[in-house]
Amino acid sequence: MKKIATEVWKEDLAEFREKTDAFYAGELDKSAYKGFSGGYGSYAQRGGNASMVRLRMAGGRLTKDKLKFVADSIAKHNIDRVHLTTCQTIQLHNLHPAAIYDIVESALDHGIVTRGGGGDFPRNVMVSPLSGVEKGEYFDVLPYAEAAGEYLLTFIKEQKMPRKLKVGFSNSPANQTHATFRDLGFVARPDGKFDVYSAGGLGNNPRMGLLVAEGVDPSKILYYICAMRDTFIAYGNYEQRNKARTRYMQETLGEEGYVKAYQEKLQAVFDAHDDLDLDISPAPVSKKGNGTTAQGKRVIPQKQEGLYAVEYHPLGGCPAPSKFAELYALIAPMEDVEIRLAPDETMYIIHLTGEEAQKVLAATEDGAQSLLETSVACIGASICQVGLRDSQQLLAEIVKQVRAAGIPDGALPQIHISGCTSSCGTHQIGEIGFHGGVKMIDKVATPAFTLHLNGSDAQGMERFGEPAGMILQDNIPAFLVEVGKAAAASGESYGDWKKAHGEQLQEIVERYLVK
């Protein structure tokens, strides 16, 4: 499998600098710049006075070297806003051109490619965050995902696809990466093989993926990725951008027609190639426990005896920028310790002994203290050009009012908030989800969110949340407080209360919906 050299990626940056300089000089309009800069993992923020950069982390794997690079970049450029995304990347915000150029180029020296972080390219490959250390997983899918990520980067230099392509790997039925409804998903099986799903996705016109192959040997995954690319190029919509995603091929070809088209392309790939086989033997974890132990609701025993992972969820997926340097200083001397980013904006610090886990717990006490506080939110309309509502502001107000009301942990679920219909906050798979919009009240455009209920991403129980109607933004915290109080009064978790008292939930919902 070929790999693109760092020097080749750096050659592309001259044009990026030229176009970025033109945009900030007022010589290139916002739309034209967005169409270009996204291919380099950078977008202008709302107002056009600053930009963001998206750092791809294949599989969400944040090694010590990459962590130090992020921490050093934050310090060097006085970065004041960082966001962990639902695609397991890190976004650095409020950047000016000099910082953008330095970060994008310097990142390459640390194995971080921003190219294709946006635009019509393959995006960051997603992986179950605890792959390789999780008890009960079918097998470690991370090495295959990392190989897939390297292969997908080569597509950026080849024929242009209609739009972005998202690939995910799941190590268990938890399906945290939504592998059964991605553009292409590899779903681990107990027999050490993959089932392959295709043409799914969230956002407008969401679709569950179609099962296109079963019992695939992991060494063959690149053939299936190549076939996905070829199918998208052949049948994807190049004319209508709003329909240029793989899930729309289910409409144009029909479900059976799509599966047939994909399998034809797959056979053509096998006929044309014999050089895409992988020879991967996942390396065992060499570190051993030292007899120390750790416990707590954020402590997860690994399948490696005596080792632990610690969960850290910064509110809204926005850790204090200084946290990266703090974490690096803490884990730098710890053997084999690294960080994994999760699709719900959580960090997991893995390969810890008991005593190390206790130190990490103490350093991450500023994170979520309840299930509700692990809620997911996109960066929001205060920064995003296309966002309609400030999802970060809404989440902060929800947390504030839920804390003030004394709602116990578990009485509210993890919620998912997107500032628009694009589902960057994955609102469609939450038990409770919201996407931003506007409601006309007495001819006045009033901030509101559409409520979605009963979504699930668990394999075998996948379903998109049903839109229930709109709630004014200012009323959403009170709505959740009332739901939480009702669940708490029953002595049950939100999930159990909802199952037993669905009518009560619906009554509360109806009181808050704007007619």
Protein backbone atom coordinates (compact mmCIF):
# COMPACT_ATOMS: atom_id res chain seq x y z
CA MET A 1 0.00 0.00 0.00
CA LYS A 2 1.49 3.31 -1.08
CA LYS A 3 1.81 6.19 1.35
CA ILE A 4 2.09 9.87 0.49
CA ALA A 5 5.25 11.48 1.81
CA THR A 6 5.10 14.47 4.13
CA GLU A 7 7.00 16.58 1.57
CA VAL A 8 4.27 15.98 -1.03
CA TRP A 9 1.58 17.26 1.33
CA LYS A 10 3.68 20.33 2.06
CA GLU A 11 3.91 21.12 -1.66
CA ASP A 12 0.13 21.72 -1.67
CA LEU A 13 0.33 24.45 0.95
CA ALA A 14 1.58 27.23 -1.34
CA GLU A 15 -1.80 27.48 -3.07
CA PHE A 16 -3.58 27.30 0.29
CA ARG A 17 -1.56 30.28 1.54
CA GLU A 18 -2.25 32.20 -1.65
CA LYS A 19 -6.03 31.67 -1.45
CA THR A 20 -6.16 32.34 2.29
CA ASP A 21 -4.24 35.59 1.89
CA ALA A 22 -6.67 36.59 -0.88
CA PHE A 23 -9.67 35.84 1.32
CA TYR A 24 -8.42 37.88 4.25
CA ALA A 25 -7.51 40.70 1.87
CA GLY A 26 -11.10 40.77 0.66
CA GLU A 27 -10.17 39.51 -2.82
CA LEU A 28 -11.97 36.14 -2.55
CA ASP A 29 -15.56 35.76 -1.43
CA LYS A 30 -16.68 33.56 1.46
CA SER A 31 -18.33 30.88 -0.69
CA ALA A 32 -15.37 30.45 -3.04
CA TYR A 33 -12.93 30.32 -0.15
CA LYS A 34 -14.99 27.76 1.75
CA GLY A 35 -15.07 25.48 -1.28
CA PHE A 36 -11.29 25.63 -1.47
CA SER A 37 -10.08 25.84 2.13
CA GLY A 38 -12.16 22.93 3.39
CA GLY A 39 -9.92 20.60 1.43
CA TYR A 40 -7.09 21.68 3.71
CA GLY A 41 -9.08 21.13 6.90
CA SER A 42 -9.67 24.83 7.50
CA TYR A 43 -12.77 27.01 7.34
CA ALA A 44 -13.39 30.68 7.96
CA GLN A 45 -15.56 31.21 11.02
CA ARG A 46 -18.73 33.26 11.20
CA GLY A 47 -17.96 36.87 10.36
CA GLY A 48 -14.89 35.97 8.31
CA ASN A 49 -12.42 37.46 10.78
CA ALA A 50 -10.80 34.23 11.95
CA SER A 51 -10.53 30.58 10.94
CA MET A 52 -10.49 27.11 12.41
CA VAL A 53 -8.21 24.16 11.63
CA ARG A 54 -9.31 20.55 11.96
CA LEU A 55 -6.61 18.10 12.99
CA ARG A 56 -7.36 14.58 11.76
CA MET A 57 -6.62 11.86 14.32
CA ALA A 58 -7.09 8.52 12.60
CA GLY A 59 -9.16 6.40 14.94
CA GLY A 60 -9.14 9.22 17.46
CA ARG A 61 -5.67 8.14 18.55
CA LEU A 62 -3.80 10.95 20.29
CA THR A 63 -0.27 9.76 21.01
CA LYS A 64 2.07 11.60 23.34
CA ASP A 65 3.86 13.19 20.39
CA LYS A 66 0.61 14.44 18.87
CA LEU A 67 -0.65 15.62 22.25
CA LYS A 68 2.54 17.62 22.75
CA PHE A 69 2.19 19.16 19.30
CA VAL A 70 -1.35 20.27 20.08
CA ALA A 71 -0.30 21.64 23.46
CA ASP A 72 2.69 23.48 21.98
CA SER A 73 0.57 24.95 19.16
CA ILE A 74 -1.99 26.22 21.67
CA ALA A 75 0.73 27.91 23.70
CA LYS A 76 2.62 29.29 20.70
CA HIS A 77 -0.44 30.88 19.11
CA ASN A 78 -2.41 31.74 22.27
CA ILE A 79 -5.34 29.61 21.12
CA ASP A 80 -8.39 30.23 23.27
CA ARG A 81 -10.94 27.75 21.87
CA VAL A 82 -10.59 24.02 21.22
CA HIS A 83 -13.32 21.55 20.30
CA LEU A 84 -13.36 17.75 20.19
CA THR A 85 -15.60 16.70 17.32
CA THR A 86 -17.97 13.78 16.80
CA CYS A 87 -15.62 12.55 14.05
CA GLN A 88 -12.78 12.08 16.56
CA THR A 89 -10.79 15.14 15.43
CA ILE A 90 -9.53 18.24 17.24
CA GLN A 91 -10.58 21.68 16.05
CA LEU A 92 -8.48 24.73 16.90
CA HIS A 93 -10.46 27.97 16.68
CA ASN A 94 -10.07 31.75 16.38
CA LEU A 95 -6.93 31.49 14.27
CA HIS A 96 -5.35 34.12 12.03
CA PRO A 97 -3.41 33.27 8.85
CA ALA A 98 0.09 33.07 10.33
CA ALA A 99 -1.11 30.58 12.94
CA ILE A 100 -3.06 28.57 10.36
CA TYR A 101 -0.06 28.16 8.08
CA ASP A 102 2.28 27.19 10.90
CA ILE A 103 -0.11 24.66 12.39
CA VAL A 104 -1.10 23.01 9.11
CA GLU A 105 2.52 22.62 8.00
CA SER A 106 4.01 21.69 11.36
CA ALA A 107 1.29 19.12 11.98
CA LEU A 108 2.65 17.05 9.09
CA ASP A 109 5.91 16.52 10.99
CA HIS A 110 3.86 14.78 13.69
CA GLY A 111 1.85 12.52 11.40
CA ILE A 112 -1.21 14.80 11.43
CA VAL A 113 -2.61 15.49 7.95
CA THR A 114 -5.19 18.26 7.79
CA ARG A 115 -5.62 17.81 4.04
CA GLY A 116 -9.11 16.45 3.37
CA GLY A 117 -10.28 17.40 6.84
CA GLY A 118 -13.15 19.14 5.06
CA GLY A 119 -14.35 19.48 1.50
CA ASP A 120 -15.19 16.69 -0.95
CA PHE A 121 -12.72 14.17 0.38
CA PRO A 122 -12.51 11.12 2.65
CA ARG A 123 -12.79 12.30 6.24
CA ASN A 124 -11.16 11.08 9.42
CA VAL A 125 -11.52 7.31 9.84
CA MET A 126 -13.46 6.57 13.00
CA VAL A 127 -12.85 3.72 15.44
CA SER A 128 -14.37 2.49 18.68
CA PRO A 129 -12.31 4.57 21.13
CA LEU A 130 -11.29 1.71 23.43
CA SER A 131 -10.43 -0.69 20.63
CA GLY A 132 -7.63 -2.97 21.78
CA VAL A 133 -8.25 -2.44 25.49
CA GLU A 134 -12.00 -2.92 25.90
CA LYS A 135 -13.30 -5.95 27.74
CA GLY A 136 -15.73 -7.94 25.61
CA GLU A 137 -14.70 -6.50 22.25
CA TYR A 138 -14.74 -8.92 19.34
CA PHE A 139 -11.23 -7.94 18.25
CA ASP A 140 -8.94 -4.92 17.98
CA VAL A 141 -10.01 -3.03 14.86
CA LEU A 142 -7.69 -0.03 15.31
CA PRO A 143 -4.75 -1.30 13.21
CA TYR A 144 -7.08 -1.91 10.27
CA ALA A 145 -8.66 1.51 10.65
CA GLU A 146 -5.25 3.19 10.68
CA ALA A 147 -4.32 1.34 7.48
CA ALA A 148 -7.63 2.40 5.98
CA GLY A 149 -6.89 6.00 6.90
CA GLU A 150 -3.54 5.93 5.13
CA TYR A 151 -5.17 4.42 2.05
CA LEU A 152 -8.01 6.92 1.98
CA LEU A 153 -5.53 9.80 2.04
CA THR A 154 -4.24 8.65 -1.34
CA PHE A 155 -7.71 9.31 -2.82
CA ILE A 156 -7.21 13.03 -2.21
CA LYS A 157 -4.62 13.05 -4.97
CA GLU A 158 -6.85 11.08 -7.35
CA GLN A 159 -10.24 11.59 -8.98
CA LYS A 160 -12.58 13.99 -7.20
CA MET A 161 -15.61 12.46 -5.48
CA PRO A 162 -19.05 14.11 -5.43
CA ARG A 163 -18.68 14.91 -1.71
CA LYS A 164 -17.17 13.69 1.54
CA LEU A 165 -16.84 10.04 2.45
CA LYS A 166 -16.98 8.87 6.07
CA VAL A 167 -15.61 5.46 7.05
CA GLY A 168 -16.02 3.85 10.47
CA PHE A 169 -14.89 0.69 12.28
CA SER A 170 -16.78 -0.84 15.20
CA ASN A 171 -15.27 -3.37 17.62
CA SER A 172 -18.54 -4.40 19.31
CA PRO A 173 -22.35 -4.04 19.14
CA ALA A 174 -22.05 -0.74 21.03
CA ASN A 175 -21.49 0.69 17.55
CA GLN A 176 -20.11 3.98 18.87
CA THR A 177 -18.83 4.95 15.44
CA HIS A 178 -22.23 4.33 13.79
CA ALA A 179 -20.53 1.85 11.47
CA THR A 180 -23.89 0.35 10.44
CA PHE A 181 -24.98 3.71 9.08
CA ARG A 182 -21.86 5.39 7.74
CA ASP A 183 -20.91 5.93 4.10
CA LEU A 184 -18.88 2.77 4.68
CA GLY A 185 -18.75 0.80 7.90
CA PHE A 186 -16.75 -2.24 9.00
CA VAL A 187 -18.53 -4.04 11.84
CA ALA A 188 -16.52 -6.58 13.82
CA ARG A 189 -17.92 -10.09 14.33
CA PRO A 190 -17.15 -12.70 17.00
CA ASP A 191 -15.34 -14.81 14.38
CA GLY A 192 -12.72 -12.12 13.78
CA LYS A 193 -14.17 -10.94 10.49
CA PHE A 194 -16.14 -7.90 9.35
CA ASP A 195 -19.61 -7.31 8.02
CA VAL A 196 -19.65 -4.31 5.71
CA TYR A 197 -22.39 -1.67 5.53
CA SER A 198 -22.63 1.12 3.01
CA ALA A 199 -24.56 4.23 1.89
CA GLY A 200 -25.81 5.31 5.32
CA GLY A 201 -25.50 8.58 7.17
CA LEU A 202 -26.98 11.21 9.47
CA GLY A 203 -28.05 14.75 8.58
CA ASN A 204 -30.71 15.63 6.04
CA ASN A 205 -32.48 12.55 4.70
CA PRO A 206 -30.76 10.12 7.12
CA ARG A 207 -30.42 6.51 6.06
CA MET A 208 -29.40 3.29 7.71
CA GLY A 209 -26.57 1.55 5.89
CA LEU A 210 -27.12 -1.39 3.57
CA LEU A 211 -25.38 -4.68 4.25
CA VAL A 212 -23.16 -5.18 1.19
CA ALA A 213 -20.82 -7.94 2.40
CA GLU A 214 -20.54 -10.48 5.21
CA GLY A 215 -17.65 -12.34 6.79
CA VAL A 216 -14.93 -10.20 5.21
CA ASP A 217 -11.36 -11.09 6.14
CA PRO A 218 -9.74 -8.00 7.71
CA SER A 219 -6.78 -8.32 5.35
CA LYS A 220 -9.11 -7.50 2.44
CA ILE A 221 -10.68 -4.26 3.67
CA LEU A 222 -8.87 -1.99 1.20
CA TYR A 223 -10.62 -3.70 -1.71
CA TYR A 224 -13.95 -2.78 -0.16
CA ILE A 225 -12.85 0.81 0.38
CA CYS A 226 -11.69 1.09 -3.22
CA ALA A 227 -15.04 -0.31 -4.39
CA MET A 228 -16.86 2.28 -2.27
CA ARG A 229 -14.88 5.08 -3.90
CA ASP A 230 -15.54 3.71 -7.37
CA THR A 231 -19.27 3.27 -6.69
CA PHE A 232 -19.57 6.84 -5.40
CA ILE A 233 -17.74 8.27 -8.41
CA ALA A 234 -19.87 6.25 -10.83
CA TYR A 235 -23.29 6.87 -9.28
CA GLY A 236 -22.92 9.85 -6.96
CA ASN A 237 -24.58 13.16 -7.76
CA TYR A 238 -22.08 15.72 -9.06
CA GLU A 239 -24.78 18.20 -10.09
CA GLN A 240 -26.79 18.73 -6.88
CA ARG A 241 -24.54 19.33 -3.91
CA ASN A 242 -27.32 18.83 -1.38
CA LYS A 243 -27.79 15.30 -2.72
CA ALA A 244 -24.14 14.45 -3.25
CA ARG A 245 -23.80 11.96 -0.40
CA THR A 246 -23.71 8.19 -0.64
CA ARG A 247 -27.05 7.76 1.13
CA TYR A 248 -28.87 9.40 -1.79
CA MET A 249 -27.75 6.52 -4.01
CA GLN A 250 -30.28 4.41 -2.13
CA GLU A 251 -32.93 6.65 -3.72
CA THR A 252 -31.53 6.79 -7.23
CA LEU A 253 -30.59 3.12 -7.49
CA GLY A 254 -32.97 1.57 -4.96
CA GLU A 255 -31.67 -0.57 -2.11
CA GLU A 256 -31.23 -3.73 -4.17
CA GLY A 257 -29.85 -1.74 -7.08
CA TYR A 258 -27.28 -0.08 -4.86
CA VAL A 259 -26.08 -3.37 -3.36
CA LYS A 260 -25.79 -4.82 -6.87
CA ALA A 261 -23.87 -1.77 -8.12
CA TYR A 262 -21.47 -1.89 -5.17
CA GLN A 263 -20.82 -5.59 -5.56
CA GLU A 264 -20.13 -5.14 -9.26
CA LYS A 265 -17.55 -2.48 -8.48
CA LEU A 266 -16.10 -4.73 -5.78
CA GLN A 267 -15.62 -7.57 -8.25
CA ALA A 268 -13.98 -5.17 -10.68
CA VAL A 269 -11.55 -4.09 -7.97
CA PHE A 270 -10.64 -7.69 -7.17
CA ASP A 271 -10.17 -8.36 -10.89
CA ALA A 272 -7.94 -5.32 -11.36
CA HIS A 273 -5.86 -5.45 -8.16
CA ASP A 274 -3.85 -7.95 -6.21
CA ASP A 275 -1.85 -5.39 -4.25
CA LEU A 276 -4.31 -4.24 -1.62
CA ASP A 277 -3.95 -7.07 0.89
CA LEU A 278 -2.96 -6.08 4.42
CA ASP A 279 -0.55 -8.05 6.57
CA ILE A 280 -1.31 -6.80 10.07
CA SER A 281 -0.68 -8.47 13.39
CA PRO A 282 -1.99 -6.24 16.18
CA ALA A 283 0.81 -5.71 18.69
CA PRO A 284 -0.03 -6.89 22.20
CA VAL A 285 0.08 -4.37 25.04
CA SER A 286 3.43 -4.90 26.72
CA LYS A 287 2.75 -2.84 29.82
CA LYS A 288 1.75 -4.73 32.95
CA GLY A 289 -0.15 -3.68 36.02
CA ASN A 290 1.93 -3.04 39.14
CA GLY A 291 -0.56 -4.22 41.73
CA THR A 292 -2.12 -0.81 42.35
CA THR A 293 -5.83 -0.39 41.75
CA ALA A 294 -8.31 2.36 40.95
CA GLN A 295 -12.05 2.65 41.08
CA GLY A 296 -14.73 5.21 40.38
CA LYS A 297 -17.46 5.84 37.85
CA ARG A 298 -14.94 7.26 35.38
CA VAL A 299 -12.50 4.35 35.78
CA ILE A 300 -12.72 1.52 33.26
CA PRO A 301 -10.73 -1.68 33.84
CA GLN A 302 -9.03 -2.73 30.61
CA LYS A 303 -8.90 -6.27 29.32
CA GLN A 304 -5.18 -6.14 30.18
CA GLU A 305 -5.10 -7.17 33.83
CA GLY A 306 -4.10 -4.40 36.20
CA LEU A 307 -4.48 -1.59 33.63
CA TYR A 308 -7.19 1.05 33.47
CA ALA A 309 -8.68 3.72 31.24
CA VAL A 310 -10.03 6.98 32.65
CA GLU A 311 -12.96 8.75 31.01
CA TYR A 312 -12.81 12.53 30.72
CA HIS A 313 -15.63 14.47 29.08
CA PRO A 314 -15.05 18.22 28.92
CA LEU A 315 -18.40 20.00 28.87
CA GLY A 316 -19.59 20.49 25.31
CA GLY A 317 -16.45 18.78 24.04
CA CYS A 318 -14.55 22.03 24.71
CA PRO A 319 -11.67 21.45 27.13
CA ALA A 320 -9.77 24.41 28.48
CA PRO A 321 -6.93 24.93 25.97
CA SER A 322 -4.42 24.65 28.83
CA LYS A 323 -5.69 21.13 29.56
CA PHE A 324 -3.63 19.66 26.71
CA ALA A 325 -0.35 20.85 28.23
CA GLU A 326 -1.51 19.75 31.66
CA LEU A 327 -2.33 16.25 30.42
CA TYR A 328 0.92 15.98 28.50
CA ALA A 329 2.99 16.93 31.53
CA LEU A 330 1.10 14.34 33.57
CA ILE A 331 1.30 11.36 31.20
CA ALA A 332 4.68 12.04 29.57
CA PRO A 333 6.59 9.90 32.10
CA MET A 334 3.92 7.17 32.17
CA GLU A 335 4.80 4.08 30.13
CA ASP A 336 2.70 3.51 26.97
CA VAL A 337 -0.07 5.89 28.06
CA GLU A 338 -1.99 7.65 25.29
CA ILE A 339 -5.34 9.31 24.70
CA ARG A 340 -8.26 8.17 22.57
CA LEU A 341 -10.91 10.59 21.34
CA ALA A 342 -14.46 9.27 21.20
CA PRO A 343 -17.37 10.06 18.84
CA ASP A 344 -19.27 11.63 21.75
CA GLU A 345 -16.52 14.20 22.44
CA THR A 346 -15.05 12.19 25.32
CA MET A 347 -11.35 11.61 25.95
CA TYR A 348 -10.12 8.28 27.28
CA ILE A 349 -6.66 8.13 28.83
CA ILE A 350 -5.57 4.49 28.52
CA HIS A 351 -2.90 2.02 29.71
CA LEU A 352 -2.81 3.36 33.25
CA THR A 353 -1.77 1.52 36.38
CA GLY A 354 -4.02 2.03 39.36
CA GLU A 355 -1.86 4.76 40.86
CA GLU A 356 -1.57 6.49 37.48
CA ALA A 357 -5.33 6.33 37.03
CA GLN A 358 -5.80 8.07 40.37
CA LYS A 359 -3.54 10.92 39.23
CA VAL A 360 -5.44 11.27 35.95
CA LEU A 361 -8.77 11.25 37.80
CA ALA A 362 -7.60 14.15 39.95
CA ALA A 363 -6.43 16.10 36.90
CA THR A 364 -9.74 15.69 35.08
CA GLU A 365 -12.23 16.59 37.80
CA ASP A 366 -13.32 19.62 35.76
CA GLY A 367 -15.18 17.36 33.32
CA ALA A 368 -18.71 15.97 33.29
CA GLN A 369 -20.06 14.86 36.66
CA SER A 370 -23.19 13.12 35.41
CA LEU A 371 -24.56 11.35 32.34
CA LEU A 372 -26.44 14.49 31.30
CA GLU A 373 -23.19 16.47 31.48
CA THR A 374 -21.58 14.13 28.93
CA SER A 375 -24.04 15.50 26.38
CA VAL A 376 -22.82 16.17 22.86
CA ALA A 377 -22.92 19.57 21.15
CA CYS A 378 -21.45 20.88 17.91
CA ILE A 379 -19.38 24.07 18.02
CA GLY A 380 -22.49 26.15 17.33
CA ALA A 381 -23.56 29.19 15.36
CA SER A 382 -21.39 31.68 17.22
CA ILE A 383 -18.47 30.16 15.27
CA CYS A 384 -19.91 27.97 12.48
CA GLN A 385 -20.83 29.76 9.24
CA VAL A 386 -23.79 27.51 8.50
CA GLY A 387 -25.10 27.00 12.02
CA LEU A 388 -28.46 28.44 12.99
CA ARG A 389 -28.31 28.21 16.79
CA ASP A 390 -25.59 28.28 19.43
CA SER A 391 -25.64 24.70 20.66
CA GLN A 392 -22.78 25.32 23.10
CA GLN A 393 -24.69 28.14 24.79
CA LEU A 394 -27.79 25.98 25.05
CA LEU A 395 -25.89 23.09 26.62
CA ALA A 396 -24.21 25.38 29.13
CA GLU A 397 -27.60 26.74 30.21
CA ILE A 398 -29.05 23.23 30.46
CA VAL A 399 -26.20 22.08 32.70
CA LYS A 400 -26.55 25.20 34.86
CA GLN A 401 -30.29 24.76 35.43
CA VAL A 402 -30.14 20.97 35.89
CA ARG A 403 -27.45 21.40 38.54
CA ALA A 404 -29.46 24.13 40.28
CA ALA A 405 -32.53 21.87 40.32
CA GLY A 406 -30.57 19.03 41.95
CA ILE A 407 -31.55 16.46 39.33
CA PRO A 408 -29.78 13.19 40.25
CA ASP A 409 -27.41 11.44 37.89
CA GLY A 410 -29.22 9.08 35.53
CA ALA A 411 -32.56 10.87 35.64
CA LEU A 412 -31.63 12.50 32.33
CA PRO A 413 -29.78 10.83 29.47
CA GLN A 414 -26.88 12.05 27.41
CA ILE A 415 -28.51 14.47 24.97
CA HIS A 416 -27.30 15.47 21.52
CA ILE A 417 -27.48 19.02 20.18
CA SER A 418 -26.83 20.21 16.63
CA GLY A 419 -27.00 23.87 15.69
CA CYS A 420 -28.68 23.00 12.40
CA THR A 421 -29.93 19.95 10.48
CA SER A 422 -26.42 18.79 9.57
CA SER A 423 -26.21 16.56 12.67
CA CYS A 424 -22.65 17.50 13.65
CA GLY A 425 -24.01 17.02 17.19
CA THR A 426 -25.50 13.64 16.15
CA HIS A 427 -28.97 14.71 17.32
CA GLN A 428 -30.64 11.90 15.42
CA ILE A 429 -29.17 9.08 17.52
CA GLY A 430 -29.80 10.49 21.00
CA GLU A 431 -32.56 9.36 23.34
CA ILE A 432 -33.16 13.09 23.42
CA GLY A 433 -31.80 15.24 20.59
CA PHE A 434 -32.22 18.77 19.30
CA HIS A 435 -31.42 20.52 16.06
CA GLY A 436 -31.44 24.28 15.71
CA GLY A 437 -33.93 26.35 13.77
CA VAL A 438 -36.27 29.32 13.91
CA LYS A 439 -39.91 29.62 14.94
CA MET A 440 -42.03 32.61 13.94
CA ILE A 441 -43.81 34.03 16.98
CA ASP A 442 -46.06 37.01 16.25
CA LYS A 443 -44.08 37.54 13.04
CA VAL A 444 -40.80 37.58 14.96
CA ALA A 445 -38.10 34.99 14.21
CA THR A 446 -37.47 33.33 17.56
CA PRO A 447 -34.60 30.90 18.37
CA ALA A 448 -35.93 27.36 18.66
CA PHE A 449 -34.85 23.75 18.36
CA THR A 450 -36.64 20.72 16.96
CA LEU A 451 -36.90 17.96 19.57
CA HIS A 452 -36.03 14.38 18.54
CA LEU A 453 -36.92 11.41 20.75
CA ASN A 454 -35.90 7.76 21.06
CA GLY A 455 -32.83 7.56 18.83
CA SER A 456 -30.32 4.72 19.26
CA ASP A 457 -27.00 3.77 17.67
CA ALA A 458 -26.63 0.32 19.29
CA GLN A 459 -26.15 -2.42 16.71
CA GLY A 460 -29.37 -4.34 16.20
CA MET A 461 -31.41 -1.53 17.79
CA GLU A 462 -30.46 1.32 15.42
CA ARG A 463 -33.14 3.94 14.94
CA PHE A 464 -33.26 7.63 14.22
CA GLY A 465 -35.02 9.80 16.74
CA GLU A 466 -38.51 10.91 15.74
CA PRO A 467 -39.04 14.68 15.42
CA ALA A 468 -41.63 15.67 18.02
CA GLY A 469 -41.92 19.38 17.23
CA MET A 470 -40.18 22.64 18.14
CA ILE A 471 -39.39 24.06 21.56
CA LEU A 472 -38.24 27.62 22.04
CA GLN A 473 -34.57 27.72 23.00
CA ASP A 474 -35.24 29.59 26.25
CA ASN A 475 -37.67 26.86 27.36
CA ILE A 476 -35.49 23.82 26.73
CA PRO A 477 -33.65 23.83 30.10
CA ALA A 478 -36.98 24.01 31.97
CA PHE A 479 -38.34 21.18 29.81
CA LEU A 480 -35.38 18.95 30.71
CA VAL A 481 -35.58 19.86 34.39
CA GLU A 482 -39.24 18.81 34.43
CA VAL A 483 -38.43 15.54 32.66
CA GLY A 484 -35.57 14.90 35.08
CA LYS A 485 -37.73 15.58 38.12
CA ALA A 486 -40.42 13.20 36.85
CA ALA A 487 -37.90 10.42 36.28
CA ALA A 488 -36.21 11.05 39.63
CA ALA A 489 -39.55 10.92 41.46
CA SER A 490 -40.09 7.41 40.15
CA GLY A 491 -36.72 6.30 41.46
CA GLU A 492 -35.81 5.03 37.98
CA SER A 493 -33.26 5.99 35.37
CA TYR A 494 -34.51 8.05 32.45
CA GLY A 495 -34.53 4.99 30.18
CA ASP A 496 -36.56 2.85 32.56
CA TRP A 497 -38.93 5.72 33.40
CA LYS A 498 -39.51 6.44 29.72
CA LYS A 499 -40.41 2.81 29.03
CA ALA A 500 -42.84 2.62 31.95
CA HIS A 501 -44.21 6.17 31.73
CA GLY A 502 -44.19 7.06 28.06
CA GLU A 503 -47.52 8.87 28.36
CA GLN A 504 -46.15 11.10 31.12
CA LEU A 505 -43.18 12.01 28.95
CA GLN A 506 -45.49 12.84 26.07
CA GLU A 507 -47.62 15.06 28.31
CA ILE A 508 -44.53 17.03 29.34
CA VAL A 509 -43.39 17.31 25.72
CA GLU A 510 -46.78 18.63 24.61
CA ARG A 511 -46.69 21.41 27.19
CA TYR A 512 -43.44 22.77 25.77
CA LEU A 513 -44.00 22.39 22.04
CA VAL A 514 -44.69 25.56 20.11
CA LYS A 515 -47.83 25.11 18.07
